[in-house]
Amino acid sequence: MKILLINGSPKGKRSNSLKLAYSFIKGLENGCTSNKEELSVDELHIASMNIGACKGCFACWQKTPGRCCINDDMQTVIKKLIRADLILWSFPLYYFNVPGMLKNLIDRQLPMSLPFMSSRQDGYGSGSHDARYDMEGKRHVLISTCGFYSADENYDSVLRMFDHFLGRGNYTTIFCGQGELFRVKELSVRTNKYLAAVTCAGSEYAMTGAISKETDAVLHTLLYPRDIFEKMADASWGINKRTGEKEPEDLIFTRQMAALYNKDAYDGKERVLEIHFTDLDHTYQIRLNKTGSQIFTDGSLSPTTRIDTPFSVWSAISRGEIGGAEALGKQMYTVSGDFSLMINWDKFFGSTSTVKNPEKKSPNMIEKKNPSMMTMLIPWIAFWIAVSIAPKVGALITLIVVAGIPFIMRNHEFVIWDQLSMIAVAVLSAAANVTGDGDIPTNIGYLVFGLFWLLSCLTKEPLCAAYVKYNYGGESAHKNPLFMKTNYILAAAWGLLYVLTAVWTFLLRRAGFGNLLIIVNNLIPILMGFFTMWFEKWYPAKMARGKRKEESSVP
């Protein structure tokens, strides 16, 4: 497949539309590899070429048929157009049509047509001209971005023009609004999702000659809702909307960040986020409520959450160069006040993107959910309760439960602690059934369960983190020191609790206080559960405040 990429942007290789075109080509390459088809790409960047405007002299039809009287780079372009199998037209929308330099190229295609009127009906309009060269079988894809929140109804004149000289329905389009977002590094997490969809479209096009309805629907989905995009667009100009004065870079950045606030996440609690850029000594406040977000530069509000950070760090986080939680854990910035805003940051500022990556799944493939701690706990709970009541029968019941776990929890991924728990419980249940004694196996069970937690503290991932890390970015949570420290402490605490439970259970039973164990061994884990819920909120917030004792207006 010979591909000709025509970049019609005056920005050349800095073009936002070109980013989409390159992603589409990447998909084409993937598709051609699957089809074992060779692919070559030829690029034309019009901004660096010499292509003059058509003079309308018709010399290419009369005096020098098929050849323009202007001796410039258009002669090369025509040769490449004739040889190409697929032509990608990449351009931004300028005043509701193509940029002037691309229009010159389009006008200068006149030598490729014969002068005689044609009765063909494959074009658009009341007249047509036959092609001078064999152009049958050539395919065309139009890829473009515009500065409006949506591409809808902004490309009418572009479509009518291409309908005329390519024929209506003889080309494919990828038109994307909010095009300027593709140059903003801080929004790359969002724009990369769209580019991934464009790559998927290229792969489909290479294999089938079309873009699937599912992928096309994703390509027509807004990067951000209209109100959010327009706020970010207005802020990007860097001038005050009311006074017209130039604003500092960190204020522009803060305005764009505030624009990302998802007011649908409002939970009835008005918040005031205060950001102090320590390297610039600038402080801004963002009020977050049910109507949206508002920026204050005079410090007139009482903050509920305050972030002290170098601007360089915060902007690096927004560009995805470092994780926010990771940077906080390394105390590259500090947080005081209501820490719940930080815990739910993605909910308030990161859930407004409407783009989702198209996923290709086998119809027979079952999608597994993240691991669940219940997979590990169900066998143990069944064992301690059933065997304590009736050792022999309870052991059989527990073995049935263990055997059913792979079916009951089949939609969840299993981790090593799930597998070890099922093995341990099965062995202890068998021992209880054979001996008819439930005391010793249940007591050993407390010890083994506690050792699982303690031994996990010697690995790169404490036991509890294996289950809850998916709420904190999955594997990337390992880079978050706060997350890891919190879970190591909790794993050690739970492990110590169950080792001690084994000790006091043994001692109380020998002392004749077996009935008391029913209360103690059920009450203590419940209290530990409440402690865990408190600690996982209190400890990260405490560490986020940093080691320095600084005066703050935040309570």
Protein backbone atom coordinates (compact mmCIF):
# COMPACT_ATOMS: atom_id res chain seq x y z
CA MET A 1 0.00 0.00 0.00
CA LYS A 2 1.46 3.33 -1.09
CA ILE A 3 0.30 6.12 1.21
CA LEU A 4 0.62 9.80 0.40
CA LEU A 5 0.26 12.08 3.42
CA ILE A 6 -0.52 15.68 2.49
CA ASN A 7 -0.02 17.97 5.47
CA GLY A 8 -1.89 21.16 4.62
CA SER A 9 -1.17 23.01 7.86
CA PRO A 10 0.86 26.24 7.80
CA LYS A 11 2.36 25.02 11.10
CA GLY A 12 4.10 22.18 9.28
CA LYS A 13 5.11 19.37 11.62
CA ARG A 14 3.74 21.29 14.61
CA SER A 15 0.23 20.70 13.28
CA ASN A 16 -2.35 19.31 15.70
CA SER A 17 -4.11 17.55 12.82
CA LEU A 18 -0.84 15.89 11.89
CA LYS A 19 -0.80 14.18 15.31
CA LEU A 20 -4.05 12.49 14.34
CA ALA A 21 -2.71 11.62 10.89
CA TYR A 22 0.39 9.99 12.36
CA SER A 23 -1.78 7.99 14.76
CA PHE A 24 -3.92 6.83 11.83
CA ILE A 25 -0.79 5.78 9.93
CA LYS A 26 0.38 3.86 13.00
CA GLY A 27 -2.90 1.96 12.86
CA LEU A 28 -2.47 1.36 9.13
CA GLU A 29 0.94 -0.12 9.82
CA ASN A 30 -0.53 -2.43 12.45
CA GLY A 31 -3.28 -3.51 10.09
CA CYS A 32 -0.94 -4.08 7.18
CA THR A 33 1.32 -6.18 9.41
CA SER A 34 -1.69 -8.36 10.30
CA ASN A 35 -2.52 -8.67 6.59
CA LYS A 36 1.15 -9.29 5.74
CA GLU A 37 0.95 -6.35 3.37
CA GLU A 38 3.83 -3.97 2.69
CA LEU A 39 3.27 -0.29 3.38
CA SER A 40 5.19 2.82 2.34
CA VAL A 41 4.49 6.38 3.42
CA ASP A 42 5.39 9.53 1.47
CA GLU A 43 4.91 12.85 3.26
CA LEU A 44 4.28 16.26 1.71
CA HIS A 45 4.43 19.23 4.07
CA ILE A 46 2.99 22.08 2.02
CA ALA A 47 4.30 24.77 4.39
CA SER A 48 7.84 23.96 3.23
CA MET A 49 6.96 23.63 -0.47
CA ASN A 50 6.63 26.11 -3.31
CA ILE A 51 3.12 25.82 -4.69
CA GLY A 52 1.73 28.96 -6.28
CA ALA A 53 -1.89 29.89 -6.91
CA CYS A 54 -3.62 28.78 -10.11
CA LYS A 55 -3.66 31.56 -12.75
CA GLY A 56 -6.79 30.26 -14.47
CA CYS A 57 -5.05 30.41 -17.86
CA PHE A 58 -6.04 26.85 -18.88
CA ALA A 59 -2.64 26.35 -20.52
CA CYS A 60 -2.63 22.87 -18.95
CA TRP A 61 -5.71 22.05 -21.07
CA GLN A 62 -4.73 23.81 -24.31
CA LYS A 63 -1.09 24.75 -24.85
CA THR A 64 0.66 22.10 -22.74
CA PRO A 65 -1.96 19.42 -22.03
CA GLY A 66 -1.46 17.83 -18.64
CA ARG A 67 1.28 20.22 -17.60
CA CYS A 68 0.92 23.49 -15.71
CA CYS A 69 2.74 26.57 -16.99
CA ILE A 70 3.93 27.32 -13.44
CA ASN A 71 7.21 25.54 -12.81
CA ASP A 72 7.11 24.75 -9.10
CA ASP A 73 6.67 21.81 -6.68
CA MET A 74 3.16 21.02 -7.92
CA GLN A 75 4.63 18.91 -10.72
CA THR A 76 6.05 16.57 -8.05
CA VAL A 77 2.76 16.55 -6.15
CA ILE A 78 0.81 15.40 -9.21
CA LYS A 79 3.23 12.52 -9.82
CA LYS A 80 2.82 11.38 -6.22
CA LEU A 81 -0.98 11.70 -6.39
CA ILE A 82 -1.03 9.43 -9.44
CA ARG A 83 1.18 6.77 -7.81
CA ALA A 84 -0.55 6.69 -4.39
CA ASP A 85 -3.05 4.02 -3.35
CA LEU A 86 -4.29 5.96 -0.33
CA ILE A 87 -4.16 9.73 0.10
CA LEU A 88 -4.43 11.24 3.58
CA TRP A 89 -5.49 14.87 3.58
CA SER A 90 -4.40 16.34 6.90
CA PHE A 91 -5.32 19.96 7.65
CA PRO A 92 -6.78 22.31 10.26
CA LEU A 93 -10.05 24.11 9.68
CA TYR A 94 -9.35 27.72 8.64
CA TYR A 95 -12.35 29.98 8.38
CA PHE A 96 -14.64 26.98 7.81
CA ASN A 97 -12.52 25.55 4.98
CA VAL A 98 -9.01 24.34 4.23
CA PRO A 99 -5.97 26.64 4.69
CA GLY A 100 -5.09 28.79 1.68
CA MET A 101 -1.93 26.90 0.80
CA LEU A 102 -3.84 23.61 0.64
CA LYS A 103 -6.51 25.27 -1.47
CA ASN A 104 -3.75 26.25 -3.89
CA LEU A 105 -2.73 22.60 -4.17
CA ILE A 106 -6.34 21.54 -4.73
CA ASP A 107 -6.81 24.20 -7.44
CA ARG A 108 -3.58 23.17 -9.12
CA GLN A 109 -4.92 19.63 -9.71
CA LEU A 110 -6.55 20.99 -12.87
CA PRO A 111 -3.93 19.38 -15.20
CA MET A 112 -5.12 16.00 -13.88
CA SER A 113 -8.52 16.53 -15.56
CA LEU A 114 -9.53 16.61 -19.20
CA PRO A 115 -11.17 19.83 -20.46
CA PHE A 116 -14.22 18.14 -21.97
CA MET A 117 -17.54 18.18 -20.20
CA SER A 118 -18.58 14.83 -18.81
CA SER A 119 -21.98 13.36 -18.06
CA ARG A 120 -20.66 11.30 -15.18
CA GLN A 121 -22.88 11.36 -12.12
CA ASP A 122 -20.28 10.29 -9.53
CA GLY A 123 -19.36 13.85 -8.74
CA TYR A 124 -21.36 16.48 -6.91
CA GLY A 125 -22.98 19.40 -8.68
CA SER A 126 -24.16 20.08 -12.25
CA GLY A 127 -20.97 19.35 -14.17
CA SER A 128 -17.88 17.16 -14.26
CA HIS A 129 -14.64 16.45 -16.12
CA ASP A 130 -13.12 13.05 -16.80
CA ALA A 131 -9.75 12.26 -15.24
CA ARG A 132 -6.71 12.49 -17.51
CA TYR A 133 -5.08 9.63 -15.61
CA ASP A 134 -6.40 6.35 -14.23
CA MET A 135 -7.47 7.30 -10.71
CA GLU A 136 -9.79 4.32 -10.17
CA GLY A 137 -9.36 2.48 -6.88
CA LYS A 138 -7.66 5.32 -5.08
CA ARG A 139 -8.88 5.90 -1.56
CA HIS A 140 -8.96 9.13 0.40
CA VAL A 141 -9.15 9.96 4.14
CA LEU A 142 -9.69 13.50 5.41
CA ILE A 143 -8.19 14.15 8.87
CA SER A 144 -8.76 17.52 10.47
CA THR A 145 -9.04 19.36 13.77
CA CYS A 146 -10.82 22.62 14.49
CA GLY A 147 -10.90 25.03 17.41
CA PHE A 148 -14.58 24.69 18.24
CA TYR A 149 -15.88 22.37 20.96
CA SER A 150 -17.34 20.11 18.26
CA ALA A 151 -16.65 19.44 14.59
CA ASP A 152 -20.37 19.06 13.86
CA GLU A 153 -21.75 21.49 11.25
CA ASN A 154 -18.42 23.30 10.92
CA TYR A 155 -17.13 21.34 7.91
CA ASP A 156 -20.04 21.87 5.51
CA SER A 157 -18.00 23.80 2.93
CA VAL A 158 -15.08 21.35 3.20
CA LEU A 159 -17.37 18.40 2.53
CA ARG A 160 -19.05 20.10 -0.44
CA MET A 161 -15.66 20.89 -1.97
CA PHE A 162 -14.35 17.33 -1.64
CA ASP A 163 -17.71 15.99 -2.86
CA HIS A 164 -17.11 17.87 -6.09
CA PHE A 165 -13.68 16.54 -7.00
CA LEU A 166 -13.62 13.17 -5.19
CA GLY A 167 -17.27 12.24 -5.49
CA ARG A 168 -19.79 12.09 -2.69
CA GLY A 169 -19.19 9.09 -0.43
CA ASN A 170 -15.81 8.32 -2.00
CA TYR A 171 -13.78 9.33 1.03
CA THR A 172 -13.63 8.80 4.80
CA THR A 173 -13.44 11.60 7.36
CA ILE A 174 -12.02 12.01 10.85
CA PHE A 175 -12.98 15.49 12.04
CA CYS A 176 -12.18 16.41 15.62
CA GLY A 177 -13.16 19.50 17.56
CA GLN A 178 -11.09 20.92 20.43
CA GLY A 179 -7.98 20.54 18.27
CA GLU A 180 -5.80 22.91 20.26
CA LEU A 181 -5.91 20.51 23.21
CA PHE A 182 -3.54 18.18 21.35
CA ARG A 183 -0.66 20.61 21.87
CA VAL A 184 -1.22 20.93 25.64
CA LYS A 185 1.07 18.49 27.44
CA GLU A 186 -0.94 18.81 30.64
CA LEU A 187 -3.94 17.25 28.87
CA SER A 188 -2.01 14.45 27.19
CA VAL A 189 -3.71 11.78 29.32
CA ARG A 190 -7.01 12.79 27.71
CA THR A 191 -5.82 13.47 24.18
CA ASN A 192 -3.80 10.24 24.08
CA LYS A 193 -7.04 8.31 24.56
CA TYR A 194 -8.44 9.96 21.46
CA LEU A 195 -5.24 9.33 19.51
CA ALA A 196 -5.49 5.66 20.52
CA ALA A 197 -8.97 5.59 18.99
CA VAL A 198 -7.56 7.12 15.78
CA THR A 199 -4.90 4.39 15.72
CA CYS A 200 -7.64 1.80 16.11
CA ALA A 201 -9.47 3.43 13.20
CA GLY A 202 -6.34 3.16 11.04
CA SER A 203 -5.94 -0.50 11.86
CA GLU A 204 -9.57 -1.20 10.95
CA TYR A 205 -9.24 0.78 7.73
CA ALA A 206 -6.18 -1.21 6.68
CA MET A 207 -7.95 -4.52 7.24
CA THR A 208 -11.48 -3.74 6.03
CA GLY A 209 -11.29 -0.47 4.08
CA ALA A 210 -13.62 1.21 6.59
CA ILE A 211 -13.89 2.39 10.19
CA SER A 212 -16.25 0.41 12.39
CA LYS A 213 -19.37 2.05 13.81
CA GLU A 214 -18.07 1.52 17.35
CA THR A 215 -14.77 3.29 16.68
CA ASP A 216 -16.46 6.02 14.64
CA ALA A 217 -18.74 6.70 17.61
CA VAL A 218 -15.68 7.16 19.81
CA LEU A 219 -14.14 9.54 17.25
CA HIS A 220 -17.32 11.62 17.36
CA THR A 221 -17.25 11.83 21.16
CA LEU A 222 -16.20 15.14 22.69
CA LEU A 223 -12.85 15.25 24.44
CA TYR A 224 -14.43 17.44 27.10
CA PRO A 225 -17.97 18.79 27.58
CA ARG A 226 -18.58 22.13 25.90
CA ASP A 227 -18.57 24.32 29.02
CA ILE A 228 -15.28 22.87 30.27
CA PHE A 229 -13.57 23.13 26.89
CA GLU A 230 -14.64 26.72 26.32
CA LYS A 231 -13.37 27.75 29.77
CA MET A 232 -10.01 26.13 29.04
CA ALA A 233 -9.90 27.70 25.59
CA ASP A 234 -10.63 31.16 26.98
CA ALA A 235 -7.95 30.75 29.66
CA SER A 236 -5.35 29.56 27.14
CA TRP A 237 -5.09 33.02 25.54
CA GLY A 238 -3.31 34.21 28.66
CA ILE A 239 -5.11 37.52 28.96
CA ASN A 240 -7.67 38.69 31.46
CA LYS A 241 -11.13 38.46 29.92
CA ARG A 242 -12.27 41.68 31.60
CA THR A 243 -9.17 43.91 31.46
CA GLY A 244 -7.31 42.40 28.49
CA GLU A 245 -4.07 42.40 30.49
CA LYS A 246 -1.50 39.63 30.22
CA GLU A 247 -1.72 37.06 33.04
CA PRO A 248 1.16 35.06 34.59
CA GLU A 249 1.68 31.50 33.42
CA ASP A 250 0.74 29.91 36.74
CA LEU A 251 -2.57 31.80 36.83
CA ILE A 252 -3.38 30.64 33.27
CA PHE A 253 -2.56 27.11 34.40
CA THR A 254 -4.77 27.45 37.49
CA ARG A 255 -7.68 28.74 35.40
CA GLN A 256 -7.40 25.76 33.08
CA MET A 257 -7.21 23.38 36.02
CA ALA A 258 -10.30 24.99 37.55
CA ALA A 259 -12.11 24.57 34.24
CA LEU A 260 -11.66 20.79 34.60
CA TYR A 261 -13.79 20.74 37.76
CA ASN A 262 -16.64 18.29 37.37
CA LYS A 263 -19.62 19.96 39.03
CA ASP A 264 -21.56 16.70 38.78
CA ALA A 265 -19.26 15.41 41.52
CA TYR A 266 -20.57 18.06 43.96
CA ASP A 267 -21.62 16.24 47.13
CA GLY A 268 -23.33 19.10 48.96
CA LYS A 269 -20.09 20.36 50.50
CA GLU A 270 -18.63 23.60 49.15
CA ARG A 271 -14.85 23.49 49.04
CA VAL A 272 -12.18 26.13 48.66
CA LEU A 273 -8.89 24.82 47.27
CA GLU A 274 -5.96 27.13 47.94
CA ILE A 275 -2.78 26.57 45.92
CA HIS A 276 0.43 28.26 46.94
CA PHE A 277 3.17 28.00 44.31
CA THR A 278 6.16 28.17 46.60
CA ASP A 279 8.78 28.87 43.93
CA LEU A 280 6.79 31.87 42.62
CA ASP A 281 5.18 32.91 45.92
CA HIS A 282 1.80 33.17 44.20
CA THR A 283 -1.39 32.01 45.89
CA TYR A 284 -4.72 31.32 44.17
CA GLN A 285 -8.03 30.04 45.46
CA ILE A 286 -10.61 27.92 43.63
CA ARG A 287 -14.13 27.75 45.00
CA LEU A 288 -15.84 24.48 44.08
CA ASN A 289 -19.60 24.22 44.41
CA LYS A 290 -22.70 22.97 42.59
CA THR A 291 -22.58 25.75 39.99
CA GLY A 292 -18.96 25.15 38.98
CA SER A 293 -15.60 26.66 39.87
CA GLN A 294 -14.48 30.24 40.42
CA ILE A 295 -10.94 31.63 40.70
CA PHE A 296 -9.99 34.17 43.38
CA THR A 297 -6.63 35.93 43.42
CA ASP A 298 -7.15 38.19 46.45
CA GLY A 299 -7.11 35.51 49.17
CA SER A 300 -10.54 36.59 50.38
CA LEU A 301 -11.86 33.09 51.05
CA SER A 302 -11.21 30.69 53.92
CA PRO A 303 -9.58 27.60 52.38
CA THR A 304 -10.73 24.11 53.26
CA THR A 305 -7.72 22.47 51.57
CA ARG A 306 -4.32 24.04 50.93
CA ILE A 307 -1.59 22.77 48.66
CA ASP A 308 1.96 24.12 48.97
CA THR A 309 3.92 23.14 45.90
CA PRO A 310 6.52 24.42 43.47
CA PHE A 311 4.81 25.32 40.20
CA SER A 312 7.32 23.15 38.37
CA VAL A 313 6.20 20.10 40.36
CA TRP A 314 2.48 20.71 39.95
CA SER A 315 2.77 21.29 36.20
CA ALA A 316 4.91 18.13 35.88
CA ILE A 317 2.15 16.18 37.65
CA SER A 318 -0.46 17.59 35.27
CA ARG A 319 1.67 16.53 32.28
CA GLY A 320 1.82 13.00 33.63
CA GLU A 321 5.60 13.14 34.12
CA ILE A 322 5.14 12.09 37.74
CA GLY A 323 2.15 10.71 39.60
CA GLY A 324 0.43 13.09 41.98
CA ALA A 325 0.22 10.50 44.75
CA GLU A 326 3.84 9.52 44.18
CA ALA A 327 4.99 13.14 44.41
CA LEU A 328 2.97 13.63 47.59
CA GLY A 329 4.45 10.50 49.12
CA LYS A 330 7.93 11.86 48.37
CA GLN A 331 6.85 15.17 49.96
CA MET A 332 7.54 17.11 46.79
CA TYR A 333 4.45 19.08 47.85
CA THR A 334 2.37 19.19 51.01
CA VAL A 335 -1.34 19.28 51.75
CA SER A 336 -3.15 20.62 54.82
CA GLY A 337 -6.80 20.82 55.73
CA ASP A 338 -9.51 18.55 54.29
CA PHE A 339 -7.61 15.66 52.73
CA SER A 340 -10.74 14.10 51.19
CA LEU A 341 -10.36 16.41 48.18
CA MET A 342 -7.00 14.81 47.40
CA ILE A 343 -8.33 11.28 47.88
CA ASN A 344 -11.16 12.02 45.45
CA TRP A 345 -9.10 14.20 43.09
CA ASP A 346 -9.95 12.18 39.97
CA LYS A 347 -13.61 12.37 40.88
CA PHE A 348 -13.55 16.17 41.03
CA PHE A 349 -10.98 16.95 38.33
CA GLY A 350 -10.32 13.81 36.34
CA SER A 351 -13.65 12.27 35.37
CA THR A 352 -14.86 14.77 32.80
CA SER A 353 -13.24 13.23 29.73
CA THR A 354 -15.85 11.49 27.63
CA VAL A 355 -13.42 9.65 25.37
CA LYS A 356 -13.08 5.92 25.90
CA ASN A 357 -10.67 3.66 24.11
CA PRO A 358 -12.37 1.19 21.77
CA GLU A 359 -11.70 -2.32 22.95
CA LYS A 360 -11.65 -5.39 20.76
CA LYS A 361 -12.72 -8.45 22.73
CA SER A 362 -13.36 -12.00 21.75
CA PRO A 363 -17.05 -12.88 22.11
CA ASN A 364 -16.03 -15.92 24.19
CA MET A 365 -13.69 -13.98 26.45
CA ILE A 366 -14.90 -13.40 30.02
CA GLU A 367 -13.72 -10.12 31.43
CA LYS A 368 -12.19 -10.67 34.85
CA LYS A 369 -12.81 -8.14 37.59
CA ASN A 370 -10.11 -6.97 39.97
CA PRO A 371 -9.20 -9.27 42.88
CA SER A 372 -11.57 -9.23 45.85
CA MET A 373 -10.49 -9.77 49.45
CA MET A 374 -13.69 -11.74 49.95
CA THR A 375 -12.09 -14.54 47.90
CA MET A 376 -9.54 -14.92 50.68
CA LEU A 377 -11.89 -14.24 53.62
CA ILE A 378 -14.86 -16.49 52.77
CA PRO A 379 -12.96 -19.78 53.37
CA TRP A 380 -11.52 -18.53 56.67
CA ILE A 381 -14.83 -17.20 57.97
CA ALA A 382 -16.63 -20.41 57.04
CA PHE A 383 -13.89 -22.45 58.71
CA TRP A 384 -13.80 -20.55 62.01
CA ILE A 385 -17.58 -20.50 62.38
CA ALA A 386 -18.51 -24.00 61.14
CA VAL A 387 -15.65 -25.94 62.72
CA SER A 388 -16.08 -24.15 66.06
CA ILE A 389 -19.73 -25.25 66.20
CA ALA A 390 -19.39 -28.83 64.93
CA PRO A 391 -15.87 -29.99 64.03
CA LYS A 392 -16.70 -32.96 61.77
CA VAL A 393 -19.78 -31.60 60.00
CA GLY A 394 -18.40 -28.05 59.99
CA ALA A 395 -15.21 -29.29 58.36
CA LEU A 396 -17.19 -30.90 55.54
CA ILE A 397 -19.22 -27.71 55.08
CA THR A 398 -16.01 -25.71 54.92
CA LEU A 399 -14.50 -28.04 52.34
CA ILE A 400 -17.60 -27.62 50.17
CA VAL A 401 -17.25 -23.82 50.49
CA VAL A 402 -13.57 -23.98 49.52
CA ALA A 403 -14.40 -26.16 46.52
CA GLY A 404 -17.06 -23.66 45.45
CA ILE A 405 -14.85 -20.57 45.69
CA PRO A 406 -13.46 -20.88 42.11
CA PHE A 407 -17.07 -20.85 40.88
CA ILE A 408 -18.46 -18.26 43.33
CA MET A 409 -15.64 -15.80 42.65
CA ARG A 410 -15.00 -16.81 39.02
CA ASN A 411 -15.40 -13.26 37.75
CA HIS A 412 -12.51 -12.03 39.89
CA GLU A 413 -8.79 -12.44 39.41
CA PHE A 414 -7.16 -14.66 42.05
CA VAL A 415 -3.97 -13.61 43.85
CA ILE A 416 -1.47 -15.74 45.75
CA TRP A 417 -3.18 -15.09 49.10
CA ASP A 418 -6.46 -16.46 47.77
CA GLN A 419 -4.77 -19.66 46.67
CA LEU A 420 -2.77 -20.08 49.90
CA SER A 421 -5.88 -19.47 51.98
CA MET A 422 -7.89 -22.14 50.16
CA ILE A 423 -5.06 -24.65 50.60
CA ALA A 424 -4.56 -23.83 54.30
CA VAL A 425 -8.28 -23.94 55.10
CA ALA A 426 -8.70 -27.23 53.22
CA VAL A 427 -5.82 -28.86 55.16
CA LEU A 428 -7.06 -27.57 58.53
CA SER A 429 -10.65 -28.65 57.77
CA ALA A 430 -9.46 -32.13 56.83
CA ALA A 431 -7.55 -32.32 60.12
CA ALA A 432 -10.63 -31.25 62.09
CA ASN A 433 -12.76 -33.85 60.30
CA VAL A 434 -10.29 -36.67 60.95
CA THR A 435 -9.61 -35.82 64.60
CA GLY A 436 -13.06 -34.55 65.50
CA ASP A 437 -11.33 -31.70 67.35
CA GLY A 438 -12.02 -28.14 66.22
CA ASP A 439 -10.07 -26.22 68.86
CA ILE A 440 -6.52 -26.94 67.72
CA PRO A 441 -7.20 -26.48 63.94
CA THR A 442 -9.05 -23.18 64.48
CA ASN A 443 -6.28 -21.95 66.76
CA ILE A 444 -3.65 -22.90 64.18
CA GLY A 445 -5.84 -21.13 61.62
CA TYR A 446 -5.56 -17.85 63.55
CA LEU A 447 -1.78 -18.25 63.60
CA VAL A 448 -1.48 -19.11 59.90
CA PHE A 449 -3.80 -16.25 58.91
CA GLY A 450 -1.73 -13.81 60.97
CA LEU A 451 1.52 -15.10 59.49
CA PHE A 452 0.15 -14.54 55.98
CA TRP A 453 -0.25 -10.84 56.80
CA LEU A 454 3.13 -10.55 58.51
CA LEU A 455 5.04 -12.42 55.81
CA SER A 456 3.51 -10.18 53.13
CA CYS A 457 5.27 -7.25 54.82
CA LEU A 458 8.56 -8.81 53.69
CA THR A 459 7.49 -8.65 50.03
CA LYS A 460 7.16 -5.73 47.62
CA GLU A 461 3.40 -5.72 48.16
CA PRO A 462 1.65 -6.09 51.54
CA LEU A 463 -1.39 -8.37 51.55
CA CYS A 464 -4.05 -5.66 51.70
CA ALA A 465 -2.41 -3.70 48.86
CA ALA A 466 -2.90 -6.68 46.53
CA TYR A 467 -6.63 -6.00 46.70
CA VAL A 468 -7.02 -2.23 47.18
CA LYS A 469 -4.30 -1.01 44.80
CA TYR A 470 -6.80 -0.99 41.93
CA ASN A 471 -8.53 1.96 43.61
CA TYR A 472 -5.23 3.86 43.50
CA GLY A 473 -4.01 3.34 39.93
CA GLY A 474 -3.26 -0.39 39.95
CA GLU A 475 0.43 -1.26 39.63
CA SER A 476 1.34 2.43 39.64
CA ALA A 477 0.26 2.51 43.31
CA HIS A 478 3.59 0.83 44.10
CA LYS A 479 5.27 4.15 43.31
CA ASN A 480 3.13 5.92 45.90
CA PRO A 481 5.08 5.89 49.19
CA LEU A 482 2.05 7.01 51.20
CA PHE A 483 -0.08 4.18 49.85
CA MET A 484 2.62 1.59 50.44
CA LYS A 485 3.50 2.78 53.98
CA THR A 486 -0.16 2.84 54.95
CA ASN A 487 -0.70 -0.71 53.73
CA TYR A 488 2.50 -2.07 55.27
CA ILE A 489 1.43 -0.69 58.65
CA LEU A 490 -2.09 -2.08 58.32
CA ALA A 491 -0.82 -5.49 57.15
CA ALA A 492 1.55 -5.65 60.14
CA ALA A 493 -1.27 -4.61 62.48
CA TRP A 494 -3.68 -7.26 61.17
CA GLY A 495 -0.95 -9.89 61.23
CA LEU A 496 0.00 -9.09 64.81
CA LEU A 497 -3.68 -9.13 65.83
CA TYR A 498 -4.24 -12.67 64.55
CA VAL A 499 -0.97 -14.01 65.96
CA LEU A 500 -2.02 -12.61 69.35
CA THR A 501 -5.51 -14.04 68.77
CA ALA A 502 -3.91 -17.48 68.45
CA VAL A 503 -2.04 -16.89 71.72
CA TRP A 504 -4.94 -15.66 73.83
CA THR A 505 -7.29 -18.26 72.34
CA PHE A 506 -4.93 -21.01 73.48
CA LEU A 507 -4.53 -19.49 76.94
CA LEU A 508 -8.21 -18.69 77.53
CA ARG A 509 -9.30 -22.16 76.45
CA ARG A 510 -6.85 -23.75 78.88
CA ALA A 511 -8.11 -21.41 81.59
CA GLY A 512 -11.70 -22.45 80.95
CA PHE A 513 -12.92 -19.20 79.38
CA GLY A 514 -13.97 -20.73 76.06
CA ASN A 515 -17.32 -18.91 76.03
CA LEU A 516 -15.57 -15.59 76.40
CA LEU A 517 -13.63 -16.29 73.21
CA ILE A 518 -16.83 -16.10 71.17
CA ILE A 519 -17.23 -12.46 72.21
CA VAL A 520 -13.55 -11.50 72.11
CA ASN A 521 -12.67 -13.12 68.78
CA ASN A 522 -15.63 -11.50 67.05
CA LEU A 523 -15.47 -8.08 68.71
CA ILE A 524 -11.73 -7.45 68.26
CA PRO A 525 -11.73 -7.84 64.42
CA ILE A 526 -14.76 -5.52 64.22
CA LEU A 527 -12.93 -2.88 66.24
CA MET A 528 -9.83 -3.45 64.09
CA GLY A 529 -11.99 -2.85 61.00
CA PHE A 530 -13.07 0.54 62.35
CA PHE A 531 -9.45 1.35 63.16
CA THR A 532 -8.45 0.45 59.59
CA MET A 533 -11.08 2.77 58.10
CA TRP A 534 -9.89 5.60 60.34
CA PHE A 535 -6.17 4.96 59.86
CA GLU A 536 -6.26 4.80 56.06
CA LYS A 537 -7.65 8.34 56.07
CA TRP A 538 -5.76 9.81 59.03
CA TYR A 539 -2.26 8.57 58.26
CA PRO A 540 -1.97 9.78 54.62
CA ALA A 541 -3.43 13.15 55.64
CA LYS A 542 -0.92 13.44 58.49
CA MET A 543 2.01 12.55 56.25
CA ALA A 544 0.76 14.90 53.52
CA ARG A 545 1.14 17.86 55.85
CA GLY A 546 4.88 17.30 55.82
CA LYS A 547 7.41 17.42 58.62
CA ARG A 548 7.63 21.19 58.73
CA LYS A 549 5.37 23.02 61.12
CA GLU A 550 4.04 25.92 59.14
CA GLU A 551 1.36 28.37 60.07
CA SER A 552 -1.74 27.94 57.96
CA SER A 553 -5.18 29.42 57.85
CA VAL A 554 -6.59 25.99 57.15
CA PRO A 555 -8.14 24.39 60.24
